[in-house]
PDB file of N, CA and C in Angstrom:
ATOM      1  N   MET A   1      -5.565   8.582  12.952  1.00  0.00           N
ATOM      2  CA  MET A   1      -6.032   8.933  11.628  1.00  0.00           C
ATOM      3  C   MET A   1      -5.728   7.753  10.700  1.00  0.00           C
ATOM      4  N   GLY A   2      -6.722   7.363   9.874  1.00  0.00           N
ATOM      5  CA  GLY A   2      -6.553   6.241   8.961  1.00  0.00           C
ATOM      6  C   GLY A   2      -5.855   6.638   7.674  1.00  0.00           C
ATOM      7  N   LEU A   3      -5.358   5.644   7.001  1.00  0.00           N
ATOM      8  CA  LEU A   3      -4.711   5.852   5.715  1.00  0.00           C
ATOM      9  C   LEU A   3      -5.792   5.932   4.646  1.00  0.00           C
ATOM     10  N   ASP A   4      -5.785   6.980   3.850  1.00  0.00           N
ATOM     11  CA  ASP A   4      -6.789   7.183   2.814  1.00  0.00           C
ATOM     12  C   ASP A   4      -6.353   6.454   1.548  1.00  0.00           C
ATOM     13  N   ILE A   5      -6.851   5.220   1.378  1.00  0.00           N
ATOM     14  CA  ILE A   5      -6.520   4.446   0.181  1.00  0.00           C
ATOM     15  C   ILE A   5      -7.809   4.037  -0.517  1.00  0.00           C
ATOM     16  N   ASN A   6      -7.686   3.804  -1.810  1.00  0.00           N
ATOM     17  CA  ASN A   6      -8.813   3.424  -2.640  1.00  0.00           C
ATOM     18  C   ASN A   6      -8.405   2.225  -3.492  1.00  0.00           C
ATOM     19  N   PHE A   7      -9.276   1.230  -3.572  1.00  0.00           N
ATOM     20  CA  PHE A   7      -9.079   0.074  -4.439  1.00  0.00           C
ATOM     21  C   PHE A   7     -10.065   0.191  -5.592  1.00  0.00           C
ATOM     22  N   ARG A   8      -9.572  -0.102  -6.814  1.00  0.00           N
ATOM     23  CA  ARG A   8     -10.454  -0.062  -7.977  1.00  0.00           C
ATOM     24  C   ARG A   8      -9.889  -0.965  -9.065  1.00  0.00           C
ATOM     25  N   ALA A   9     -10.718  -1.281 -10.037  1.00  0.00           N
ATOM     26  CA  ALA A   9     -10.263  -2.061 -11.184  1.00  0.00           C
ATOM     27  C   ALA A   9      -9.244  -1.251 -11.980  1.00  0.00           C
ATOM     28  N   ALA A  10      -8.220  -1.928 -12.445  1.00  0.00           N
ATOM     29  CA  ALA A  10      -7.204  -1.269 -13.271  1.00  0.00           C
ATOM     30  C   ALA A  10      -7.819  -0.861 -14.608  1.00  0.00           C
ATOM     31  N   ARG A  11      -7.313   0.230 -15.143  1.00  0.00           N
ATOM     32  CA  ARG A  11      -7.743   0.716 -16.457  1.00  0.00           C
ATOM     33  C   ARG A  11      -6.535   0.737 -17.397  1.00  0.00           C
ATOM     34  N   LYS A  12      -6.824   0.717 -18.674  1.00  0.00           N
ATOM     35  CA  LYS A  12      -5.759   0.704 -19.681  1.00  0.00           C
ATOM     36  C   LYS A  12      -4.793   1.868 -19.488  1.00  0.00           C
ATOM     37  N   GLU A  13      -5.308   3.025 -19.127  1.00  0.00           N
ATOM     38  CA  GLU A  13      -4.432   4.190 -18.959  1.00  0.00           C
ATOM     39  C   GLU A  13      -3.511   4.067 -17.739  1.00  0.00           C
ATOM     40  N   ASP A  14      -3.747   3.077 -16.878  1.00  0.00           N
ATOM     41  CA  ASP A  14      -2.876   2.827 -15.726  1.00  0.00           C
ATOM     42  C   ASP A  14      -1.594   2.083 -16.111  1.00  0.00           C
ATOM     43  N   LEU A  15      -1.573   1.491 -17.299  1.00  0.00           N
ATOM     44  CA  LEU A  15      -0.463   0.608 -17.666  1.00  0.00           C
ATOM     45  C   LEU A  15       0.934   1.206 -17.487  1.00  0.00           C
ATOM     46  N   PRO A  16       1.221   2.414 -17.946  1.00  0.00           N
ATOM     47  CA  PRO A  16       2.585   2.930 -17.750  1.00  0.00           C
ATOM     48  C   PRO A  16       2.994   2.961 -16.273  1.00  0.00           C
ATOM     49  N   ALA A  17       2.105   3.406 -15.402  1.00  0.00           N
ATOM     50  CA  ALA A  17       2.426   3.451 -13.971  1.00  0.00           C
ATOM     51  C   ALA A  17       2.580   2.042 -13.398  1.00  0.00           C
ATOM     52  N   LEU A  18       1.763   1.103 -13.862  1.00  0.00           N
ATOM     53  CA  LEU A  18       1.858  -0.272 -13.361  1.00  0.00           C
ATOM     54  C   LEU A  18       3.170  -0.928 -13.785  1.00  0.00           C
ATOM     55  N   VAL A  19       3.556  -0.713 -15.030  1.00  0.00           N
ATOM     56  CA  VAL A  19       4.824  -1.284 -15.500  1.00  0.00           C
ATOM     57  C   VAL A  19       5.999  -0.644 -14.767  1.00  0.00           C
ATOM     58  N   ASP A  20       5.928   0.674 -14.527  1.00  0.00           N
ATOM     59  CA  ASP A  20       6.971   1.334 -13.722  1.00  0.00           C
ATOM     60  C   ASP A  20       7.075   0.691 -12.344  1.00  0.00           C
ATOM     61  N   MET A  21       5.918   0.411 -11.740  1.00  0.00           N
ATOM     62  CA  MET A  21       5.903  -0.208 -10.423  1.00  0.00           C
ATOM     63  C   MET A  21       6.545  -1.601 -10.463  1.00  0.00           C
ATOM     64  N   LEU A  22       6.204  -2.369 -11.497  1.00  0.00           N
ATOM     65  CA  LEU A  22       6.770  -3.715 -11.635  1.00  0.00           C
ATOM     66  C   LEU A  22       8.283  -3.672 -11.830  1.00  0.00           C
ATOM     67  N   ALA A  23       8.759  -2.648 -12.509  1.00  0.00           N
ATOM     68  CA  ALA A  23      10.195  -2.537 -12.793  1.00  0.00           C
ATOM     69  C   ALA A  23      10.986  -1.965 -11.624  1.00  0.00           C
ATOM     70  N   ASN A  24      10.296  -1.528 -10.576  1.00  0.00           N
ATOM     71  CA  ASN A  24      10.952  -0.822  -9.478  1.00  0.00           C
ATOM     72  C   ASN A  24      11.310  -1.738  -8.307  1.00  0.00           C
ATOM     73  N   ASP A  25      11.939  -2.860  -8.600  1.00  0.00           N
ATOM     74  CA  ASP A  25      12.498  -3.709  -7.552  1.00  0.00           C
ATOM     75  C   ASP A  25      13.629  -4.536  -8.159  1.00  0.00           C
ATOM     76  N   PRO A  26      14.441  -5.201  -7.345  1.00  0.00           N
ATOM     77  CA  PRO A  26      15.608  -5.909  -7.884  1.00  0.00           C
ATOM     78  C   PRO A  26      15.277  -6.965  -8.938  1.00  0.00           C
ATOM     79  N   LEU A  27      14.158  -7.650  -8.815  1.00  0.00           N
ATOM     80  CA  LEU A  27      13.784  -8.636  -9.834  1.00  0.00           C
ATOM     81  C   LEU A  27      13.172  -7.972 -11.057  1.00  0.00           C
ATOM     82  N   GLY A  28      12.263  -7.032 -10.815  1.00  0.00           N
ATOM     83  CA  GLY A  28      11.561  -6.388 -11.914  1.00  0.00           C
ATOM     84  C   GLY A  28      12.464  -5.612 -12.840  1.00  0.00           C
ATOM     85  N   VAL A  29      13.494  -5.001 -12.295  1.00  0.00           N
ATOM     86  CA  VAL A  29      14.396  -4.205 -13.125  1.00  0.00           C
ATOM     87  C   VAL A  29      15.098  -5.075 -14.176  1.00  0.00           C
ATOM     88  N   THR A  30      15.202  -6.382 -13.909  1.00  0.00           N
ATOM     89  CA  THR A  30      15.864  -7.285 -14.861  1.00  0.00           C
ATOM     90  C   THR A  30      14.910  -7.880 -15.879  1.00  0.00           C
ATOM     91  N   ARG A  31      13.595  -7.737 -15.664  1.00  0.00           N
ATOM     92  CA  ARG A  31      12.668  -8.411 -16.574  1.00  0.00           C
ATOM     93  C   ARG A  31      11.590  -7.517 -17.170  1.00  0.00           C
ATOM     94  N   GLU A  32      11.443  -6.310 -16.694  1.00  0.00           N
ATOM     95  CA  GLU A  32      10.400  -5.415 -17.212  1.00  0.00           C
ATOM     96  C   GLU A  32      11.019  -4.333 -18.085  1.00  0.00           C
ATOM     97  N   THR A  33      10.205  -3.787 -18.987  1.00  0.00           N
ATOM     98  CA  THR A  33      10.642  -2.759 -19.931  1.00  0.00           C
ATOM     99  C   THR A  33       9.698  -1.571 -19.831  1.00  0.00           C
ATOM    100  N   PRO A  34       9.991  -0.620 -18.935  1.00  0.00           N
ATOM    101  CA  PRO A  34       9.081   0.500 -18.736  1.00  0.00           C
ATOM    102  C   PRO A  34       9.262   1.655 -19.725  1.00  0.00           C
ATOM    103  N   LEU A  35       9.813   1.390 -20.874  1.00  0.00           N
ATOM    104  CA  LEU A  35      10.037   2.455 -21.856  1.00  0.00           C
ATOM    105  C   LEU A  35       8.717   2.951 -22.430  1.00  0.00           C
ATOM    106  N   VAL A  36       8.699   4.212 -22.829  1.00  0.00           N
ATOM    107  CA  VAL A  36       7.532   4.806 -23.479  1.00  0.00           C
ATOM    108  C   VAL A  36       7.885   5.025 -24.935  1.00  0.00           C
ATOM    109  N   PRO A  37       7.074   4.574 -25.890  1.00  0.00           N
ATOM    110  CA  PRO A  37       5.808   3.887 -25.674  1.00  0.00           C
ATOM    111  C   PRO A  37       6.037   2.473 -25.127  1.00  0.00           C
ATOM    112  N   LEU A  38       5.023   1.990 -24.396  1.00  0.00           N
ATOM    113  CA  LEU A  38       5.114   0.665 -23.787  1.00  0.00           C
ATOM    114  C   LEU A  38       5.147  -0.428 -24.843  1.00  0.00           C
ATOM    115  N   ASP A  39       5.863  -1.473 -24.520  1.00  0.00           N
ATOM    116  CA  ASP A  39       5.856  -2.681 -25.346  1.00  0.00           C
ATOM    117  C   ASP A  39       4.401  -3.153 -25.444  1.00  0.00           C
ATOM    118  N   GLN A  40       3.945  -3.442 -26.640  1.00  0.00           N
ATOM    119  CA  GLN A  40       2.552  -3.825 -26.868  1.00  0.00           C
ATOM    120  C   GLN A  40       2.161  -5.123 -26.166  1.00  0.00           C
ATOM    121  N   ARG A  41       3.143  -5.912 -25.744  1.00  0.00           N
ATOM    122  CA  ARG A  41       2.817  -7.149 -25.018  1.00  0.00           C
ATOM    123  C   ARG A  41       2.166  -6.844 -23.673  1.00  0.00           C
ATOM    124  N   TYR A  42       2.502  -5.698 -23.065  1.00  0.00           N
ATOM    125  CA  TYR A  42       1.823  -5.310 -21.822  1.00  0.00           C
ATOM    126  C   TYR A  42       0.343  -5.051 -22.081  1.00  0.00           C
ATOM    127  N   LEU A  43       0.047  -4.359 -23.176  1.00  0.00           N
ATOM    128  CA  LEU A  43      -1.344  -4.092 -23.513  1.00  0.00           C
ATOM    129  C   LEU A  43      -2.076  -5.391 -23.819  1.00  0.00           C
ATOM    130  N   SER A  44      -1.440  -6.278 -24.557  1.00  0.00           N
ATOM    131  CA  SER A  44      -2.066  -7.573 -24.863  1.00  0.00           C
ATOM    132  C   SER A  44      -2.375  -8.355 -23.592  1.00  0.00           C
ATOM    133  N   ALA A  45      -1.436  -8.355 -22.661  1.00  0.00           N
ATOM    134  CA  ALA A  45      -1.662  -9.054 -21.393  1.00  0.00           C
ATOM    135  C   ALA A  45      -2.788  -8.404 -20.609  1.00  0.00           C
ATOM    136  N   PHE A  46      -2.801  -7.071 -20.559  1.00  0.00           N
ATOM    137  CA  PHE A  46      -3.864  -6.360 -19.848  1.00  0.00           C
ATOM    138  C   PHE A  46      -5.224  -6.695 -20.450  1.00  0.00           C
ATOM    139  N   LEU A  47      -5.330  -6.653 -21.770  1.00  0.00           N
ATOM    140  CA  LEU A  47      -6.607  -6.934 -22.426  1.00  0.00           C
ATOM    141  C   LEU A  47      -7.061  -8.369 -22.167  1.00  0.00           C
ATOM    142  N   ALA A  48      -6.136  -9.313 -22.137  1.00  0.00           N
ATOM    143  CA  ALA A  48      -6.484 -10.707 -21.839  1.00  0.00           C
ATOM    144  C   ALA A  48      -6.991 -10.842 -20.404  1.00  0.00           C
ATOM    145  N   ILE A  49      -6.311 -10.190 -19.469  1.00  0.00           N
ATOM    146  CA  ILE A  49      -6.746 -10.220 -18.063  1.00  0.00           C
ATOM    147  C   ILE A  49      -8.111  -9.557 -17.935  1.00  0.00           C
ATOM    148  N   ASP A  50      -8.264  -8.385 -18.547  1.00  0.00           N
ATOM    149  CA  ASP A  50      -9.484  -7.605 -18.426  1.00  0.00           C
ATOM    150  C   ASP A  50     -10.698  -8.322 -19.025  1.00  0.00           C
ATOM    151  N   SER A  51     -10.483  -9.120 -20.054  1.00  0.00           N
ATOM    152  CA  SER A  51     -11.609  -9.794 -20.718  1.00  0.00           C
ATOM    153  C   SER A  51     -11.933 -11.156 -20.092  1.00  0.00           C
ATOM    154  N   ASP A  52     -11.109 -11.621 -19.178  1.00  0.00           N
ATOM    155  CA  ASP A  52     -11.305 -12.932 -18.552  1.00  0.00           C
ATOM    156  C   ASP A  52     -12.129 -12.774 -17.274  1.00  0.00           C
ATOM    157  N   PRO A  53     -13.323 -13.359 -17.211  1.00  0.00           N
ATOM    158  CA  PRO A  53     -14.154 -13.191 -16.015  1.00  0.00           C
ATOM    159  C   PRO A  53     -13.555 -13.827 -14.759  1.00  0.00           C
ATOM    160  N   ASN A  54     -12.543 -14.652 -14.913  1.00  0.00           N
ATOM    161  CA  ASN A  54     -11.898 -15.283 -13.754  1.00  0.00           C
ATOM    162  C   ASN A  54     -10.649 -14.538 -13.301  1.00  0.00           C
ATOM    163  N   ASN A  55     -10.428 -13.356 -13.846  1.00  0.00           N
ATOM    164  CA  ASN A  55      -9.278 -12.541 -13.467  1.00  0.00           C
ATOM    165  C   ASN A  55      -9.722 -11.120 -13.117  1.00  0.00           C
ATOM    166  N   GLU A  56      -9.061 -10.566 -12.124  1.00  0.00           N
ATOM    167  CA  GLU A  56      -9.270  -9.163 -11.750  1.00  0.00           C
ATOM    168  C   GLU A  56      -7.899  -8.539 -11.525  1.00  0.00           C
ATOM    169  N   LEU A  57      -7.670  -7.397 -12.114  1.00  0.00           N
ATOM    170  CA  LEU A  57      -6.464  -6.625 -11.854  1.00  0.00           C
ATOM    171  C   LEU A  57      -6.916  -5.392 -11.085  1.00  0.00           C
ATOM    172  N   VAL A  58      -6.479  -5.292  -9.838  1.00  0.00           N
ATOM    173  CA  VAL A  58      -6.933  -4.243  -8.931  1.00  0.00           C
ATOM    174  C   VAL A  58      -5.760  -3.337  -8.601  1.00  0.00           C
ATOM    175  N   VAL A  59      -5.998  -2.031  -8.636  1.00  0.00           N
ATOM    176  CA  VAL A  59      -4.960  -1.073  -8.259  1.00  0.00           C
ATOM    177  C   VAL A  59      -5.309  -0.447  -6.914  1.00  0.00           C
ATOM    178  N   VAL A  60      -4.275   0.046  -6.252  1.00  0.00           N
ATOM    179  CA  VAL A  60      -4.418   0.732  -4.978  1.00  0.00           C
ATOM    180  C   VAL A  60      -3.954   2.166  -5.192  1.00  0.00           C
ATOM    181  N   GLU A  61      -4.806   3.128  -4.816  1.00  0.00           N
ATOM    182  CA  GLU A  61      -4.488   4.543  -4.956  1.00  0.00           C
ATOM    183  C   GLU A  61      -4.369   5.189  -3.578  1.00  0.00           C
ATOM    184  N   HIS A  62      -3.409   6.084  -3.471  1.00  0.00           N
ATOM    185  CA  HIS A  62      -3.258   6.925  -2.278  1.00  0.00           C
ATOM    186  C   HIS A  62      -2.971   8.328  -2.767  1.00  0.00           C
ATOM    187  N   GLU A  63      -3.825   9.276  -2.370  1.00  0.00           N
ATOM    188  CA  GLU A  63      -3.692  10.670  -2.801  1.00  0.00           C
ATOM    189  C   GLU A  63      -3.585  10.766  -4.319  1.00  0.00           C
ATOM    190  N   ASN A  64      -4.473  10.039  -5.011  1.00  0.00           N
ATOM    191  CA  ASN A  64      -4.577  10.034  -6.477  1.00  0.00           C
ATOM    192  C   ASN A  64      -3.337   9.508  -7.190  1.00  0.00           C
ATOM    193  N   LYS A  65      -2.532   8.733  -6.486  1.00  0.00           N
ATOM    194  CA  LYS A  65      -1.344   8.125  -7.098  1.00  0.00           C
ATOM    195  C   LYS A  65      -1.428   6.613  -6.920  1.00  0.00           C
ATOM    196  N   LEU A  66      -1.073   5.873  -7.982  1.00  0.00           N
ATOM    197  CA  LEU A  66      -1.063   4.415  -7.871  1.00  0.00           C
ATOM    198  C   LEU A  66       0.110   3.989  -7.001  1.00  0.00           C
ATOM    199  N   VAL A  67      -0.188   3.217  -5.973  1.00  0.00           N
ATOM    200  CA  VAL A  67       0.851   2.777  -5.041  1.00  0.00           C
ATOM    201  C   VAL A  67       0.920   1.256  -4.915  1.00  0.00           C
ATOM    202  N   GLY A  68       0.029   0.548  -5.580  1.00  0.00           N
ATOM    203  CA  GLY A  68       0.049  -0.904  -5.501  1.00  0.00           C
ATOM    204  C   GLY A  68      -0.900  -1.520  -6.504  1.00  0.00           C
ATOM    205  N   MET A  69      -0.757  -2.821  -6.653  1.00  0.00           N
ATOM    206  CA  MET A  69      -1.658  -3.575  -7.525  1.00  0.00           C
ATOM    207  C   MET A  69      -1.657  -5.023  -7.097  1.00  0.00           C
ATOM    208  N   VAL A  70      -2.705  -5.714  -7.486  1.00  0.00           N
ATOM    209  CA  VAL A  70      -2.807  -7.141  -7.218  1.00  0.00           C
ATOM    210  C   VAL A  70      -3.633  -7.765  -8.342  1.00  0.00           C
ATOM    211  N   GLN A  71      -3.232  -8.954  -8.756  1.00  0.00           N
ATOM    212  CA  GLN A  71      -4.027  -9.705  -9.723  1.00  0.00           C
ATOM    213  C   GLN A  71      -4.648 -10.878  -8.987  1.00  0.00           C
ATOM    214  N   LEU A  72      -5.960 -10.992  -9.111  1.00  0.00           N
ATOM    215  CA  LEU A  72      -6.708 -12.085  -8.500  1.00  0.00           C
ATOM    216  C   LEU A  72      -7.172 -13.013  -9.615  1.00  0.00           C
ATOM    217  N   THR A  73      -6.829 -14.280  -9.512  1.00  0.00           N
ATOM    218  CA  THR A  73      -7.255 -15.271 -10.496  1.00  0.00           C
ATOM    219  C   THR A  73      -8.079 -16.328  -9.778  1.00  0.00           C
ATOM    220  N   PHE A  74      -9.316 -16.481 -10.199  1.00  0.00           N
ATOM    221  CA  PHE A  74     -10.237 -17.428  -9.575  1.00  0.00           C
ATOM    222  C   PHE A  74     -10.173 -18.750 -10.333  1.00  0.00           C
ATOM    223  N   ILE A  75      -9.958 -19.839  -9.577  1.00  0.00           N
ATOM    224  CA  ILE A  75      -9.665 -21.143 -10.168  1.00  0.00           C
ATOM    225  C   ILE A  75     -10.648 -22.176  -9.622  1.00  0.00           C
ATOM    226  N   PRO A  76     -11.352 -22.894 -10.526  1.00  0.00           N
ATOM    227  CA  PRO A  76     -12.223 -23.960 -10.045  1.00  0.00           C
ATOM    228  C   PRO A  76     -11.395 -25.193  -9.673  1.00  0.00           C
ATOM    229  N   TYR A  77     -11.794 -25.847  -8.598  1.00  0.00           N
ATOM    230  CA  TYR A  77     -11.115 -27.054  -8.134  1.00  0.00           C
ATOM    231  C   TYR A  77     -12.131 -28.163  -7.973  1.00  0.00           C
ATOM    232  N   LEU A  78     -11.658 -29.392  -8.000  1.00  0.00           N
ATOM    233  CA  LEU A  78     -12.517 -30.523  -7.684  1.00  0.00           C
ATOM    234  C   LEU A  78     -12.584 -30.760  -6.176  1.00  0.00           C
ATOM    235  N   THR A  79     -11.546 -30.358  -5.464  1.00  0.00           N
ATOM    236  CA  THR A  79     -11.525 -30.574  -4.019  1.00  0.00           C
ATOM    237  C   THR A  79     -12.581 -29.726  -3.324  1.00  0.00           C
ATOM    238  N   HIS A  80     -12.886 -30.083  -2.114  1.00  0.00           N
ATOM    239  CA  HIS A  80     -13.905 -29.378  -1.329  1.00  0.00           C
ATOM    240  C   HIS A  80     -15.217 -29.269  -2.108  1.00  0.00           C
ATOM    241  N   THR A  81     -15.585 -30.374  -2.711  1.00  0.00           N
ATOM    242  CA  THR A  81     -16.849 -30.484  -3.444  1.00  0.00           C
ATOM    243  C   THR A  81     -16.963 -29.461  -4.570  1.00  0.00           C
ATOM    244  N   GLY A  82     -15.903 -29.340  -5.343  1.00  0.00           N
ATOM    245  CA  GLY A  82     -15.933 -28.453  -6.509  1.00  0.00           C
ATOM    246  C   GLY A  82     -15.903 -26.983  -6.151  1.00  0.00           C
ATOM    247  N   SER A  83     -15.068 -26.634  -5.194  1.00  0.00           N
ATOM    248  CA  SER A  83     -14.994 -25.230  -4.760  1.00  0.00           C
ATOM    249  C   SER A  83     -14.155 -24.390  -5.716  1.00  0.00           C
ATOM    250  N   TRP A  84     -14.138 -23.111  -5.444  1.00  0.00           N
ATOM    251  CA  TRP A  84     -13.301 -22.159  -6.150  1.00  0.00           C
ATOM    252  C   TRP A  84     -12.238 -21.648  -5.201  1.00  0.00           C
ATOM    253  N   ARG A  85     -11.072 -21.352  -5.742  1.00  0.00           N
ATOM    254  CA  ARG A  85      -9.987 -20.755  -4.964  1.00  0.00           C
ATOM    255  C   ARG A  85      -9.520 -19.498  -5.675  1.00  0.00           C
ATOM    256  N   CYS A  86      -8.725 -18.735  -4.983  1.00  0.00           N
ATOM    257  CA  CYS A  86      -8.221 -17.499  -5.560  1.00  0.00           C
ATOM    258  C   CYS A  86      -6.705 -17.461  -5.435  1.00  0.00           C
ATOM    259  N   LEU A  87      -6.033 -17.289  -6.551  1.00  0.00           N
ATOM    260  CA  LEU A  87      -4.591 -17.081  -6.582  1.00  0.00           C
ATOM    261  C   LEU A  87      -4.345 -15.588  -6.543  1.00  0.00           C
ATOM    262  N   ILE A  88      -3.527 -15.143  -5.599  1.00  0.00           N
ATOM    263  CA  ILE A  88      -3.248 -13.720  -5.434  1.00  0.00           C
ATOM    264  C   ILE A  88      -1.798 -13.475  -5.845  1.00  0.00           C
ATOM    265  N   GLU A  89      -1.613 -12.598  -6.818  1.00  0.00           N
ATOM    266  CA  GLU A  89      -0.287 -12.245  -7.326  1.00  0.00           C
ATOM    267  C   GLU A  89      -0.070 -10.759  -7.173  1.00  0.00           C
ATOM    268  N   GLY A  90       1.144 -10.394  -6.915  1.00  0.00           N
ATOM    269  CA  GLY A  90       1.505  -8.975  -6.893  1.00  0.00           C
ATOM    270  C   GLY A  90       1.600  -8.447  -5.514  1.00  0.00           C
TER     271      GLY A  90
END
């Protein structure tokens, strides 16, 4: 039996769960602030990512719960005859 997961673009209403996820590890707990209401800098960062055509913030859902995320940043390069590359974070 396969794992039922869904990938989709992140939405603004996902932010509290995403920040909780970021804060839920030894590094994140020292640098993230998952308090409600969320620090407005998270919203500003989300809006900047969301409005940039070279960025995608993708969430992973399992049984209607967010279980992961990844940020994809597409970068033009001069190498390989002006190719594009993708930086994967998260």
